[in-house]
């Protein structure tokens, strides 16, 4: 039987605040377990939450970036559940009046542009982290993450395959990174994706029973999990069996999902208004001030780079993949007055060395000023392309002045025309056969003579100047 897939997502994003959502504990990742806690985030009796204003600002900015409607009077609710990673036995979240409702994100797929609608986006606190120590047959808990601010973005079930899911998540991730609202590292858990998937007979109006898949910590895992769950549900349906609404955990090593628990609905959590936090009042003037602070997003920047710098769609896309790279390119282009060369150095040698050295996203270990200076040295004929690459290798990571490096290595081209002309004359005298070939009309041997001249000069000359001098001395 022919089945169609329907997919909706729940995307949790840890916001890049210095402190947690309801207390002053650090929200930084990677600290020693249980060292960033206090009575509030560990759920001690009598401890009261105080809302972090920066969380509301970042979450509102994200809502505006998704074209959502901002709720003027959002409020928090208690989501009650008992689980070891939840020290309060409830989570402060939003159900009845979430911060954002509606909205959309347009994404590019192989079939063209697709609009994925947003159902809602709300603020909440993160839970702790359970660490399963299988060799010791025990589980320990780290509460450093408890209380870290989250936004949860819930989409409508508008996607139909893994390609559309990946396109949406990549576009969403770029948007969040451009906002600097989160680092969106799936491997560290600062961006977590739950996939809700169902199958139904082709052409049927009613959707099938959905399952929710958790523990997806990479785009690769998301694609594999979707393929696996599609196959599992199709097999059940083809046998006339029923798909159970449940939450499943993806095991990327075994490439399969396993049932965790029955899928809860809102009523199972016994939501009620959070008594310790009053509703927020967001006036329109404040909302517009947040809107005015939104950056130029990746999609807009790509279009501008194509128009303003005459870059191809591909080149603009590569340069705008990271906001830091896009900003670096613009600064270098302005300083060097040569956008094409700036783009080539960043897309070529810079990205190659970043990959080889496994540098983190956003890090470029030299300054735009020094790259612009290297470009000018090459354009002025003081460095040929091969020596410029050697200078760049030293400059990468050390951020030293490229001219100082070139002088230290003896790479700077000889600029004295008289001495260069003498060397050219020597090459002409030492190579009578190619000289005669050139004068007889075989102009391609000029490249050989240029090479011989550069060899004599140790590469320290401007090939364009050498070509001119050779042409003059050869009489054509």
Protein backbone atom coordinates (compact mmCIF):
# COMPACT_ATOMS: atom_id res chain seq x y z
CA UNK A 1 0.00 0.00 0.00
CA UNK A 2 1.20 3.53 -0.76
CA UNK A 3 1.69 5.71 2.33
CA UNK A 4 2.39 9.42 2.80
CA UNK A 5 4.49 10.80 5.64
CA UNK A 6 3.57 13.78 7.78
CA UNK A 7 6.17 15.37 10.08
CA UNK A 8 6.05 18.11 12.67
CA UNK A 9 8.90 19.22 14.91
CA UNK A 10 9.44 20.38 18.47
CA UNK A 11 12.74 22.26 18.60
CA UNK A 12 14.24 23.15 21.97
CA UNK A 13 16.91 25.86 21.96
CA UNK A 14 18.98 26.91 24.96
CA UNK A 15 19.28 30.69 24.96
CA UNK A 16 22.69 32.33 25.19
CA UNK A 17 22.24 34.13 28.50
CA UNK A 18 24.89 34.42 31.19
CA UNK A 19 22.54 33.22 33.90
CA UNK A 20 19.59 30.85 34.17
CA UNK A 21 15.99 31.78 33.55
CA UNK A 22 14.81 32.10 37.18
CA UNK A 23 18.01 32.44 39.23
CA UNK A 24 21.48 33.96 39.14
CA UNK A 25 23.37 30.69 38.57
CA UNK A 26 25.68 30.56 35.55
CA UNK A 27 24.19 29.00 32.43
CA UNK A 28 27.62 28.24 30.88
CA UNK A 29 28.18 24.79 29.40
CA UNK A 30 30.91 22.41 30.52
CA UNK A 31 31.38 23.19 34.22
CA UNK A 32 32.08 20.48 36.80
CA UNK A 33 28.81 18.64 37.55
CA UNK A 34 26.47 20.22 40.12
CA UNK A 35 28.61 23.33 40.65
CA UNK A 36 26.19 25.80 39.03
CA UNK A 37 23.17 25.29 41.26
CA UNK A 38 21.21 27.04 43.99
CA UNK A 39 17.99 26.47 45.98
CA UNK A 40 15.88 27.84 43.11
CA UNK A 41 17.13 25.62 40.28
CA UNK A 42 17.36 22.55 42.51
CA UNK A 43 13.75 22.97 43.64
CA UNK A 44 14.30 23.55 47.36
CA UNK A 45 11.17 24.33 49.43
CA UNK A 46 10.45 28.03 49.76
CA UNK A 47 12.79 29.13 46.95
CA UNK A 48 11.10 31.59 44.57
CA UNK A 49 11.84 32.20 40.87
CA UNK A 50 12.72 35.64 39.45
CA UNK A 51 12.44 35.99 35.66
CA UNK A 52 15.56 36.86 33.65
CA UNK A 53 14.67 39.86 31.43
CA UNK A 54 17.25 38.90 28.80
CA UNK A 55 15.42 35.62 28.21
CA UNK A 56 12.27 37.54 27.26
CA UNK A 57 14.23 39.83 24.93
CA UNK A 58 15.94 36.97 23.07
CA UNK A 59 12.76 34.90 22.89
CA UNK A 60 10.77 37.88 21.56
CA UNK A 61 13.44 38.55 18.95
CA UNK A 62 13.26 34.91 17.87
CA UNK A 63 9.48 35.11 17.62
CA UNK A 64 9.71 38.21 15.43
CA UNK A 65 12.31 36.47 13.27
CA UNK A 66 9.74 33.70 12.69
CA UNK A 67 6.98 36.20 11.77
CA UNK A 68 5.03 35.19 14.87
CA UNK A 69 2.47 37.21 16.79
CA UNK A 70 3.83 38.36 20.15
CA UNK A 71 1.41 37.86 23.02
CA UNK A 72 0.91 41.13 24.90
CA UNK A 73 0.22 39.36 28.19
CA UNK A 74 2.09 36.02 28.23
CA UNK A 75 2.23 34.00 31.42
CA UNK A 76 3.92 30.93 32.82
CA UNK A 77 2.34 27.62 33.80
CA UNK A 78 3.42 24.59 35.77
CA UNK A 79 3.87 21.38 33.82
CA UNK A 80 3.74 18.59 36.39
CA UNK A 81 5.67 15.39 35.89
CA UNK A 82 7.89 13.17 38.00
CA UNK A 83 11.26 12.26 36.56
CA UNK A 84 14.78 12.10 38.04
CA UNK A 85 16.06 15.02 35.94
CA UNK A 86 13.29 17.30 37.18
CA UNK A 87 14.24 18.43 40.73
CA UNK A 88 11.00 20.36 41.40
CA UNK A 89 8.73 17.58 40.07
CA UNK A 90 7.30 20.27 37.79
CA UNK A 91 8.64 22.43 35.00
CA UNK A 92 7.87 26.12 34.63
CA UNK A 93 6.71 26.42 31.03
CA UNK A 94 3.92 28.08 29.01
CA UNK A 95 0.70 26.53 27.73
CA UNK A 96 -2.33 28.81 28.03
CA UNK A 97 -0.67 32.09 26.97
CA UNK A 98 2.68 31.34 25.24
CA UNK A 99 4.95 34.19 24.21
CA UNK A 100 4.45 33.64 20.47
CA UNK A 101 1.75 32.13 18.29
CA UNK A 102 1.62 31.50 14.56
CA UNK A 103 4.37 32.47 12.18
CA UNK A 104 6.31 30.71 9.46
CA UNK A 105 9.72 30.06 7.97
CA UNK A 106 10.33 29.78 4.22
CA UNK A 107 12.95 27.20 3.27
CA UNK A 108 14.59 26.11 0.02
CA UNK A 109 14.22 22.47 -1.00
CA UNK A 110 14.98 20.53 -4.19
CA UNK A 111 11.34 21.06 -5.15
CA UNK A 112 11.55 24.82 -4.61
CA UNK A 113 10.56 27.12 -1.77
CA UNK A 114 8.41 25.64 0.98
CA UNK A 115 6.67 27.45 3.83
CA UNK A 116 6.68 25.68 7.19
CA UNK A 117 4.15 27.15 9.59
CA UNK A 118 4.89 27.73 13.26
CA UNK A 119 2.19 26.67 15.70
CA UNK A 120 3.69 28.43 18.72
CA UNK A 121 6.89 29.26 20.54
CA UNK A 122 7.17 29.43 24.31
CA UNK A 123 9.72 29.96 27.06
CA UNK A 124 10.54 27.38 29.70
CA UNK A 125 13.29 26.09 31.96
CA UNK A 126 15.51 23.16 31.07
CA UNK A 127 15.72 20.02 33.16
CA UNK A 128 18.86 18.43 34.58
CA UNK A 129 20.91 15.85 32.71
CA UNK A 130 20.93 12.14 33.48
CA UNK A 131 24.24 10.37 32.80
CA UNK A 132 23.88 6.61 32.35
CA UNK A 133 27.01 4.78 33.50
CA UNK A 134 26.33 1.38 32.00
CA UNK A 135 29.60 -0.22 33.08
CA UNK A 136 28.82 0.62 36.71
CA UNK A 137 25.10 -0.12 36.26
CA UNK A 138 24.01 3.21 37.70
CA UNK A 139 22.71 6.59 36.62
CA UNK A 140 23.93 9.90 38.03
CA UNK A 141 22.51 13.38 37.59
CA UNK A 142 24.04 16.76 36.80
CA UNK A 143 21.77 19.66 37.75
CA UNK A 144 23.91 22.36 36.14
CA UNK A 145 21.48 22.38 33.21
CA UNK A 146 18.38 22.63 35.40
CA UNK A 147 16.96 26.11 34.95
CA UNK A 148 18.90 26.99 31.80
CA UNK A 149 16.50 29.07 29.65
CA UNK A 150 14.83 27.35 26.71
CA UNK A 151 12.56 28.31 23.89
CA UNK A 152 10.47 25.56 22.35
CA UNK A 153 9.46 26.07 18.72
CA UNK A 154 6.54 23.88 17.69
CA UNK A 155 5.81 23.58 13.97
CA UNK A 156 2.65 22.54 12.22
CA UNK A 157 2.84 19.08 10.57
CA UNK A 158 3.88 20.62 7.25
CA UNK A 159 6.89 18.49 6.31
CA UNK A 160 6.77 15.23 4.40
CA UNK A 161 10.33 13.92 4.27
CA UNK A 162 13.79 14.15 5.81
CA UNK A 163 14.99 16.62 3.18
CA UNK A 164 12.34 19.16 4.12
CA UNK A 165 13.05 18.62 7.83
CA UNK A 166 16.77 19.18 7.29
CA UNK A 167 16.16 22.28 5.17
CA UNK A 168 13.89 23.75 7.86
CA UNK A 169 16.33 23.01 10.69
CA UNK A 170 19.31 24.42 8.81
CA UNK A 171 17.41 27.61 7.98
CA UNK A 172 16.16 27.90 11.57
CA UNK A 173 19.66 27.31 12.95
CA UNK A 174 21.16 30.02 10.74
CA UNK A 175 18.46 32.45 11.85
CA UNK A 176 19.12 31.74 15.54
CA UNK A 177 22.90 32.05 15.04
CA UNK A 178 22.50 35.39 13.25
CA UNK A 179 20.43 36.60 16.21
CA UNK A 180 23.21 35.34 18.51
CA UNK A 181 20.40 33.87 20.60
CA UNK A 182 22.13 30.47 20.96
CA UNK A 183 25.17 28.56 19.72
CA UNK A 184 22.81 25.79 18.49
CA UNK A 185 25.24 22.93 19.15
CA UNK A 186 23.28 19.73 18.79
CA UNK A 187 26.17 17.67 20.17
CA UNK A 188 26.12 19.72 23.40
CA UNK A 189 22.34 19.78 23.66
CA UNK A 190 21.86 23.52 23.16
CA UNK A 191 19.62 22.64 20.20
CA UNK A 192 17.47 19.53 20.55
CA UNK A 193 14.92 18.22 18.08
CA UNK A 194 11.94 15.94 18.66
CA UNK A 195 10.38 14.51 15.50
CA UNK A 196 6.65 13.81 15.43
CA UNK A 197 5.92 11.48 12.52
CA UNK A 198 2.88 9.66 11.20
CA UNK A 199 1.91 7.71 8.09
CA UNK A 200 -1.43 7.62 6.34
CA UNK A 201 -2.75 6.12 3.15
CA UNK A 202 -2.00 8.23 0.10
CA UNK A 203 -4.86 10.61 -0.58
CA UNK A 204 -6.51 10.15 2.83
CA UNK A 205 -7.51 13.37 4.58
CA UNK A 206 -7.12 12.07 8.12
CA UNK A 207 -3.59 11.85 9.48
CA UNK A 208 -2.27 8.68 11.05
CA UNK A 209 -1.21 8.08 14.66
CA UNK A 210 1.97 9.96 15.41
CA UNK A 211 5.02 8.93 17.37
CA UNK A 212 7.61 11.24 18.91
CA UNK A 213 11.32 10.48 18.54
CA UNK A 214 13.84 11.91 20.99
CA UNK A 215 17.62 11.76 21.50
CA UNK A 216 18.45 13.13 18.05
CA UNK A 217 21.77 14.96 18.37
CA UNK A 218 22.78 15.50 14.73
CA UNK A 219 21.19 16.15 11.36
CA UNK A 220 22.48 12.74 10.28
CA UNK A 221 20.70 11.08 13.20
CA UNK A 222 17.50 12.96 12.34
CA UNK A 223 17.56 11.73 8.73
CA UNK A 224 18.27 8.15 9.78
CA UNK A 225 15.60 8.19 12.48
CA UNK A 226 12.97 9.46 10.04
CA UNK A 227 13.81 6.72 7.53
CA UNK A 228 13.71 4.07 10.25
CA UNK A 229 10.39 5.22 11.71
CA UNK A 230 8.77 5.48 8.27
CA UNK A 231 9.77 1.88 7.59
CA UNK A 232 8.60 0.68 11.01
CA UNK A 233 5.18 2.29 10.76
CA UNK A 234 4.72 1.16 7.14
CA UNK A 235 5.44 -2.43 8.16
CA UNK A 236 2.90 -2.27 11.00
CA UNK A 237 0.20 -0.75 8.80
CA UNK A 238 0.82 -3.20 5.96
CA UNK A 239 0.21 -6.06 8.42
CA UNK A 240 -3.03 -4.46 9.57
CA UNK A 241 -1.55 -3.63 12.97
CA UNK A 242 -2.05 -0.40 14.89
CA UNK A 243 0.60 2.33 15.41
CA UNK A 244 0.68 3.27 19.10
CA UNK A 245 1.00 6.91 20.10
CA UNK A 246 4.23 6.88 22.06
CA UNK A 247 7.57 8.52 22.71
CA UNK A 248 10.54 6.62 21.28
CA UNK A 249 14.27 7.01 21.90
CA UNK A 250 16.61 6.86 18.91
CA UNK A 251 19.74 4.72 19.24
CA UNK A 252 22.16 5.97 16.61
CA UNK A 253 24.58 3.08 17.12
CA UNK A 254 21.95 0.39 16.56
CA UNK A 255 20.13 2.59 14.01
CA UNK A 256 16.76 1.90 15.61
CA UNK A 257 14.29 3.49 17.99
CA UNK A 258 12.94 1.91 21.15
CA UNK A 259 9.74 2.71 23.03
CA UNK A 260 10.19 4.91 26.11
CA UNK A 261 6.62 5.60 27.23
CA UNK A 262 3.14 6.35 26.01
CA UNK A 263 2.93 9.79 24.40
CA UNK A 264 1.43 12.24 26.87
CA UNK A 265 -1.13 14.86 25.96
CA UNK A 266 -1.42 18.26 27.64
CA UNK A 267 -4.01 17.07 30.15
CA UNK A 268 -1.61 14.38 31.38
CA UNK A 269 0.68 17.09 32.75
CA UNK A 270 -2.06 18.77 34.82
CA UNK A 271 -1.01 22.27 33.80
CA UNK A 272 -2.05 25.19 35.98
CA UNK A 273 -0.93 28.86 36.12
CA UNK A 274 2.43 29.34 37.84
CA UNK A 275 1.54 30.98 41.20
CA UNK A 276 5.01 32.44 41.85
CA UNK A 277 5.32 34.44 38.61
CA UNK A 278 2.89 37.19 37.56
CA UNK A 279 1.89 37.57 33.89
CA UNK A 280 4.15 39.74 31.74
CA UNK A 281 3.01 42.99 30.15
CA UNK A 282 4.71 43.60 26.79
CA UNK A 283 3.70 46.90 25.29
CA UNK A 284 3.88 47.49 21.55
CA UNK A 285 6.60 50.11 21.85
CA UNK A 286 8.92 47.62 23.56
CA UNK A 287 8.12 44.94 20.98
CA UNK A 288 8.94 47.37 18.16
CA UNK A 289 12.23 48.27 19.84
CA UNK A 290 13.16 44.57 19.77
CA UNK A 291 12.08 44.38 16.12
CA UNK A 292 14.31 47.31 15.21
CA UNK A 293 17.31 45.48 16.70
CA UNK A 294 16.91 42.42 14.45
CA UNK A 295 19.94 41.81 12.23
CA UNK A 296 20.07 41.30 8.50
CA UNK A 297 19.45 37.56 8.24
CA UNK A 298 21.34 35.09 6.08
CA UNK A 299 18.81 34.95 3.24
CA UNK A 300 18.74 38.74 2.95
CA UNK A 301 22.53 38.98 3.19
CA UNK A 302 23.03 36.42 0.40
CA UNK A 303 20.88 38.48 -1.96
CA UNK A 304 22.74 41.68 -1.05
CA UNK A 305 26.17 40.06 -1.49
CA UNK A 306 25.20 38.90 -4.97
CA UNK A 307 24.09 42.39 -5.95
CA UNK A 308 26.62 44.53 -4.08
CA UNK A 309 29.76 42.42 -4.56
CA UNK A 310 28.87 40.60 -7.80
CA UNK A 311 29.23 37.19 -6.14
CA UNK A 312 27.61 33.99 -7.34
CA UNK A 313 24.75 32.46 -5.34
CA UNK A 314 27.07 29.66 -4.24
CA UNK A 315 29.88 31.98 -3.10
CA UNK A 316 27.47 34.26 -1.23
CA UNK A 317 25.91 31.23 0.44
CA UNK A 318 29.27 29.93 1.65
CA UNK A 319 30.34 33.33 2.99
CA UNK A 320 27.02 33.83 4.77
CA UNK A 321 26.89 30.37 6.35
CA UNK A 322 28.27 31.97 9.52
CA UNK A 323 27.52 35.53 10.56
CA UNK A 324 31.11 35.99 11.73
CA UNK A 325 32.42 34.95 8.29
CA UNK A 326 30.01 37.29 6.50
CA UNK A 327 31.03 40.21 8.73
CA UNK A 328 34.73 39.34 8.29
CA UNK A 329 34.31 39.28 4.51
CA UNK A 330 32.64 42.69 4.40
CA UNK A 331 35.34 44.28 6.55
CA UNK A 332 38.13 42.74 4.46
CA UNK A 333 36.44 43.76 1.21
CA UNK A 334 36.16 47.35 2.40
CA UNK A 335 39.80 47.51 3.54
CA UNK A 336 41.28 45.79 0.49
CA UNK A 337 38.90 47.33 -2.08
CA UNK A 338 38.87 43.85 -3.66
CA UNK A 339 35.77 41.78 -2.73
CA UNK A 340 36.57 38.94 -5.16
CA UNK A 341 40.03 38.34 -3.67
CA UNK A 342 38.66 38.60 -0.13
CA UNK A 343 36.02 35.99 -0.98
CA UNK A 344 38.59 33.68 -2.58
CA UNK A 345 40.94 33.77 0.41
CA UNK A 346 38.12 33.12 2.87
CA UNK A 347 36.40 30.37 0.87
CA UNK A 348 39.67 28.70 -0.08
CA UNK A 349 42.63 28.73 2.29
CA UNK A 350 40.73 29.95 5.35
CA UNK A 351 38.02 27.29 5.29
CA UNK A 352 40.55 24.60 4.39
CA UNK A 353 42.76 25.37 7.37
CA UNK A 354 39.77 25.73 9.68
CA UNK A 355 38.67 22.21 8.73
CA UNK A 356 42.17 20.78 9.08
CA UNK A 357 42.64 22.34 12.52
CA UNK A 358 39.05 21.61 13.58
CA UNK A 359 38.48 25.19 14.66
CA UNK A 360 35.09 25.98 16.21
CA UNK A 361 32.36 27.69 14.23
CA UNK A 362 32.77 31.44 14.16
CA UNK A 363 36.53 31.47 14.89
CA UNK A 364 38.89 33.11 12.39
CA UNK A 365 42.40 33.35 13.89
CA UNK A 366 43.59 36.47 12.10
CA UNK A 367 42.27 39.97 11.50
CA UNK A 368 40.54 41.49 8.47
CA UNK A 369 43.25 44.17 8.47
CA UNK A 370 46.00 41.61 7.94
CA UNK A 371 44.14 39.68 5.24
CA UNK A 372 43.43 42.96 3.42
CA UNK A 373 47.12 43.86 3.63
CA UNK A 374 48.10 40.47 2.20
CA UNK A 375 45.68 41.02 -0.69
CA UNK A 376 47.21 44.45 -1.38
CA UNK A 377 50.75 43.04 -1.31
CA UNK A 378 49.77 40.50 -3.95
CA UNK A 379 47.89 43.06 -6.04
CA UNK A 380 50.88 45.43 -5.97
CA UNK A 381 53.15 42.66 -7.24
CA UNK A 382 55.18 42.48 -4.04
CA UNK A 383 54.16 38.82 -3.47
CA UNK A 384 53.36 36.20 -6.07
CA UNK A 385 50.52 33.76 -5.44
CA UNK A 386 52.63 30.87 -4.13
CA UNK A 387 54.59 33.04 -1.71
CA UNK A 388 51.39 34.78 -0.59
CA UNK A 389 50.05 31.35 0.43
CA UNK A 390 53.20 30.68 2.45
CA UNK A 391 52.78 34.01 4.22
CA UNK A 392 49.12 33.20 4.84
CA UNK A 393 50.04 29.88 6.48
CA UNK A 394 52.18 31.75 9.01
CA UNK A 395 49.64 34.53 9.44
CA UNK A 396 46.85 32.00 10.09
CA UNK A 397 46.76 31.55 13.84
CA UNK A 398 49.56 34.01 14.64
CA UNK A 399 47.77 37.05 13.17
CA UNK A 400 51.14 38.62 12.40
CA UNK A 401 51.55 41.46 9.93
CA UNK A 402 51.96 39.78 6.49
CA UNK A 403 54.49 42.34 5.31
CA UNK A 404 56.69 41.65 8.34
CA UNK A 405 56.46 37.93 7.64
CA UNK A 406 57.37 38.45 3.97
CA UNK A 407 60.35 40.63 4.87
CA UNK A 408 61.53 38.13 7.47
CA UNK A 409 61.35 35.29 4.94
CA UNK A 410 62.86 37.32 2.10
CA UNK A 411 59.71 36.91 0.03
CA UNK A 412 59.13 40.51 -1.02
CA UNK A 413 59.51 41.01 -4.74
CA UNK A 414 62.38 42.97 -6.22
CA UNK A 415 60.76 46.18 -7.37
CA UNK A 416 63.84 47.85 -8.92
CA UNK A 417 63.11 47.81 -12.66
CA UNK A 418 66.74 48.23 -13.69
CA UNK A 419 67.91 45.17 -11.79
CA UNK A 420 64.90 43.16 -13.03
CA UNK A 421 65.73 44.15 -16.64
CA UNK A 422 69.28 42.87 -16.19
CA UNK A 423 67.94 39.51 -15.03
CA UNK A 424 65.55 39.41 -17.99
CA UNK A 425 68.47 40.02 -20.37
CA UNK A 426 70.40 37.15 -18.76
CA UNK A 427 67.44 34.78 -19.28
CA UNK A 428 67.12 35.82 -22.93
CA UNK A 429 70.82 35.22 -23.49
CA UNK A 430 70.73 31.80 -21.76
CA UNK A 431 67.68 30.52 -23.71
CA UNK A 432 68.32 31.16 -27.44
CA UNK A 433 65.98 28.40 -28.72
CA UNK A 434 62.75 29.52 -26.98
CA UNK A 435 63.73 33.14 -27.74
CA UNK A 436 63.92 32.30 -31.43
CA UNK A 437 60.61 30.41 -31.20
CA UNK A 438 58.97 33.45 -29.61
CA UNK A 439 60.31 35.79 -32.30
CA UNK A 440 59.09 33.38 -34.96
CA UNK A 441 55.52 33.66 -33.63
CA UNK A 442 55.26 30.97 -30.95
CA UNK A 443 54.11 33.33 -28.24
CA UNK A 444 53.28 30.62 -25.68
CA UNK A 445 56.98 30.17 -24.87
CA UNK A 446 56.79 33.51 -23.07
CA UNK A 447 55.45 31.61 -20.07
CA UNK A 448 58.58 29.48 -20.00
CA UNK A 449 60.80 32.56 -20.08
CA UNK A 450 58.79 34.18 -17.29
CA UNK A 451 59.25 31.01 -15.24
CA UNK A 452 63.00 30.99 -15.82
CA UNK A 453 63.22 34.62 -14.76
CA UNK A 454 61.18 33.99 -11.62
CA UNK A 455 63.41 31.03 -10.82
CA UNK A 456 66.51 33.20 -11.01
CA UNK A 457 64.84 35.72 -8.71
CA UNK A 458 63.72 33.07 -6.23
CA UNK A 459 60.11 33.90 -6.91
CA UNK A 460 60.57 37.39 -5.52
CA UNK A 461 59.23 39.41 -8.41
CA UNK A 462 55.99 40.51 -9.96
CA UNK A 463 55.20 38.14 -12.87
CA UNK A 464 53.26 40.91 -14.62
CA UNK A 465 56.30 43.19 -14.54
CA UNK A 466 58.56 40.36 -15.73
CA UNK A 467 56.18 39.69 -18.63
CA UNK A 468 56.27 43.35 -19.65
CA UNK A 469 60.06 43.56 -19.51
CA UNK A 470 60.49 40.33 -21.48
CA UNK A 471 58.12 41.55 -24.17
CA UNK A 472 60.02 44.84 -24.41
CA UNK A 473 63.44 43.14 -24.62
CA UNK A 474 62.23 40.56 -27.14
CA UNK A 475 61.08 43.38 -29.37
CA UNK A 476 57.33 42.67 -29.43
